[in-house]
Amino acid sequence: MCKLSQKYKLDLDKEYKASFDKISKLKKAVAPDIMLKFYAYYKQANFGNKFSFNSGLDVRSAFKFNAWMQLNGMTAEEAKKEYIKLAKTI
């Protein structure tokens, strides 16, 4: 990895973590569909296409799993960028 792309990756990771921390500390409620997007981008950024569904059989878990599966094939970098972009709208 060249020096420039390594710096870009570090900057992206830093901005992603800051966005994650911001969303994690929110006091106000966020619409469920937006929270599903955050969940899916987070899972794709951190776990990629290694889908696992062991959270039980409730409807909420099924929606979360479905949201994540819709990002199948998205790179971790793309997922982080989308997470950051969405966080900026909140």
C-alpha atoms as a PDB file:
ATOM      1  CA  MET A   1       0.000   0.000   0.000  1.00  0.00           C
ATOM      2  CA  CYS A   2       1.472   3.354  -0.963  1.00  0.00           C
ATOM      3  CA  LYS A   3       1.943   6.077   1.629  1.00  0.00           C
ATOM      4  CA  LEU A   4      -0.856   8.254   0.247  1.00  0.00           C
ATOM      5  CA  SER A   5      -3.469   5.487   0.245  1.00  0.00           C
ATOM      6  CA  GLN A   6      -2.379   4.393   3.724  1.00  0.00           C
ATOM      7  CA  LYS A   7      -2.909   7.961   4.997  1.00  0.00           C
ATOM      8  CA  TYR A   8      -6.309   8.057   3.255  1.00  0.00           C
ATOM      9  CA  LYS A   9      -7.291   4.789   4.951  1.00  0.00           C
ATOM     10  CA  LEU A  10      -6.206   6.106   8.366  1.00  0.00           C
ATOM     11  CA  ASP A  11      -8.152   9.334   7.798  1.00  0.00           C
ATOM     12  CA  LEU A  12     -11.224   7.374   6.711  1.00  0.00           C
ATOM     13  CA  ASP A  13     -10.975   5.105   9.764  1.00  0.00           C
ATOM     14  CA  LYS A  14     -10.613   8.118  12.047  1.00  0.00           C
ATOM     15  CA  GLU A  15     -13.633   9.881  10.522  1.00  0.00           C
ATOM     16  CA  TYR A  16     -15.651   6.645  10.634  1.00  0.00           C
ATOM     17  CA  LYS A  17     -14.887   6.148  14.330  1.00  0.00           C
ATOM     18  CA  ALA A  18     -15.814   9.772  15.083  1.00  0.00           C
ATOM     19  CA  SER A  19     -19.114   9.315  13.219  1.00  0.00           C
ATOM     20  CA  PHE A  20     -19.808   6.047  15.037  1.00  0.00           C
ATOM     21  CA  ASP A  21     -19.123   7.692  18.403  1.00  0.00           C
ATOM     22  CA  LYS A  22     -21.409  10.619  17.500  1.00  0.00           C
ATOM     23  CA  ILE A  23     -24.303   8.333  16.573  1.00  0.00           C
ATOM     24  CA  SER A  24     -23.742   6.071  19.593  1.00  0.00           C
ATOM     25  CA  LYS A  25     -24.065   9.039  21.957  1.00  0.00           C
ATOM     26  CA  LEU A  26     -27.222  10.523  20.451  1.00  0.00           C
ATOM     27  CA  LYS A  27     -29.847  11.458  23.013  1.00  0.00           C
ATOM     28  CA  LYS A  28     -32.693  11.970  20.541  1.00  0.00           C
ATOM     29  CA  ALA A  29     -34.508   9.164  18.777  1.00  0.00           C
ATOM     30  CA  VAL A  30     -33.660   8.425  15.171  1.00  0.00           C
ATOM     31  CA  ALA A  31     -36.181   6.923  12.762  1.00  0.00           C
ATOM     32  CA  PRO A  32     -36.011   3.111  12.673  1.00  0.00           C
ATOM     33  CA  ASP A  33     -35.257   3.000   8.932  1.00  0.00           C
ATOM     34  CA  ILE A  34     -32.250   5.285   9.452  1.00  0.00           C
ATOM     35  CA  MET A  35     -31.032   3.181  12.378  1.00  0.00           C
ATOM     36  CA  LEU A  36     -31.282   0.093  10.149  1.00  0.00           C
ATOM     37  CA  LYS A  37     -29.021   1.815   7.620  1.00  0.00           C
ATOM     38  CA  PHE A  38     -26.501   2.653  10.323  1.00  0.00           C
ATOM     39  CA  TYR A  39     -26.604  -0.949  11.506  1.00  0.00           C
ATOM     40  CA  ALA A  40     -26.115  -2.350   8.013  1.00  0.00           C
ATOM     41  CA  TYR A  41     -23.232   0.002   7.145  1.00  0.00           C
ATOM     42  CA  TYR A  42     -21.586  -0.771  10.484  1.00  0.00           C
ATOM     43  CA  LYS A  43     -21.852  -4.526   9.971  1.00  0.00           C
ATOM     44  CA  GLN A  44     -20.626  -4.314   6.372  1.00  0.00           C
ATOM     45  CA  ALA A  45     -17.711  -2.047   7.344  1.00  0.00           C
ATOM     46  CA  ASN A  46     -16.630  -4.354  10.144  1.00  0.00           C
ATOM     47  CA  PHE A  47     -17.630  -7.839   8.988  1.00  0.00           C
ATOM     48  CA  GLY A  48     -18.106  -7.601   5.208  1.00  0.00           C
ATOM     49  CA  ASN A  49     -20.080 -10.409   3.624  1.00  0.00           C
ATOM     50  CA  LYS A  50     -19.588 -12.757   6.595  1.00  0.00           C
ATOM     51  CA  PHE A  51     -23.274 -12.790   7.389  1.00  0.00           C
ATOM     52  CA  SER A  52     -24.429 -14.414  10.590  1.00  0.00           C
ATOM     53  CA  PHE A  53     -27.932 -14.600  11.913  1.00  0.00           C
ATOM     54  CA  ASN A  54     -28.020 -15.876  15.445  1.00  0.00           C
ATOM     55  CA  SER A  55     -29.907 -13.105  17.230  1.00  0.00           C
ATOM     56  CA  GLY A  56     -33.095 -15.064  17.581  1.00  0.00           C
ATOM     57  CA  LEU A  57     -36.152 -15.291  15.428  1.00  0.00           C
ATOM     58  CA  ASP A  58     -37.837 -11.983  16.201  1.00  0.00           C
ATOM     59  CA  VAL A  59     -38.939  -9.543  13.516  1.00  0.00           C
ATOM     60  CA  ARG A  60     -36.458  -6.858  14.574  1.00  0.00           C
ATOM     61  CA  SER A  61     -33.508  -9.227  14.057  1.00  0.00           C
ATOM     62  CA  ALA A  62     -34.856 -10.239  10.661  1.00  0.00           C
ATOM     63  CA  PHE A  63     -35.083  -6.596   9.553  1.00  0.00           C
ATOM     64  CA  LYS A  64     -31.514  -5.954  10.733  1.00  0.00           C
ATOM     65  CA  PHE A  65     -30.199  -9.029   8.943  1.00  0.00           C
ATOM     66  CA  ASN A  66     -32.065  -8.120   5.756  1.00  0.00           C
ATOM     67  CA  ALA A  67     -30.685  -4.556   5.813  1.00  0.00           C
ATOM     68  CA  TRP A  68     -27.160  -5.923   6.116  1.00  0.00           C
ATOM     69  CA  MET A  69     -27.613  -8.524   3.375  1.00  0.00           C
ATOM     70  CA  GLN A  70     -28.730  -5.784   0.970  1.00  0.00           C
ATOM     71  CA  LEU A  71     -25.159  -4.443   1.126  1.00  0.00           C
ATOM     72  CA  ASN A  72     -23.692  -7.734  -0.088  1.00  0.00           C
ATOM     73  CA  GLY A  73     -20.587  -6.989  -2.131  1.00  0.00           C
ATOM     74  CA  MET A  74     -20.038  -3.473  -0.780  1.00  0.00           C
ATOM     75  CA  THR A  75     -16.449  -2.922   0.347  1.00  0.00           C
ATOM     76  CA  ALA A  76     -15.640  -1.945   3.919  1.00  0.00           C
ATOM     77  CA  GLU A  77     -14.344   1.389   2.619  1.00  0.00           C
ATOM     78  CA  GLU A  78     -17.611   2.124   0.792  1.00  0.00           C
ATOM     79  CA  ALA A  79     -19.639   1.147   3.868  1.00  0.00           C
ATOM     80  CA  LYS A  80     -17.577   3.483   6.058  1.00  0.00           C
ATOM     81  CA  LYS A  81     -18.066   6.340   3.587  1.00  0.00           C
ATOM     82  CA  GLU A  82     -21.829   5.749   3.513  1.00  0.00           C
ATOM     83  CA  TYR A  83     -21.970   5.575   7.311  1.00  0.00           C
ATOM     84  CA  ILE A  84     -20.107   8.902   7.556  1.00  0.00           C
ATOM     85  CA  LYS A  85     -22.336  10.507   4.935  1.00  0.00           C
ATOM     86  CA  LEU A  86     -25.479   9.361   6.762  1.00  0.00           C
ATOM     87  CA  ALA A  87     -24.118  10.500  10.129  1.00  0.00           C
ATOM     88  CA  LYS A  88     -23.590  13.991   8.707  1.00  0.00           C
ATOM     89  CA  THR A  89     -27.320  14.228   7.989  1.00  0.00           C
ATOM     90  CA  ILE A  90     -28.232  13.626  11.652  1.00  0.00           C
END
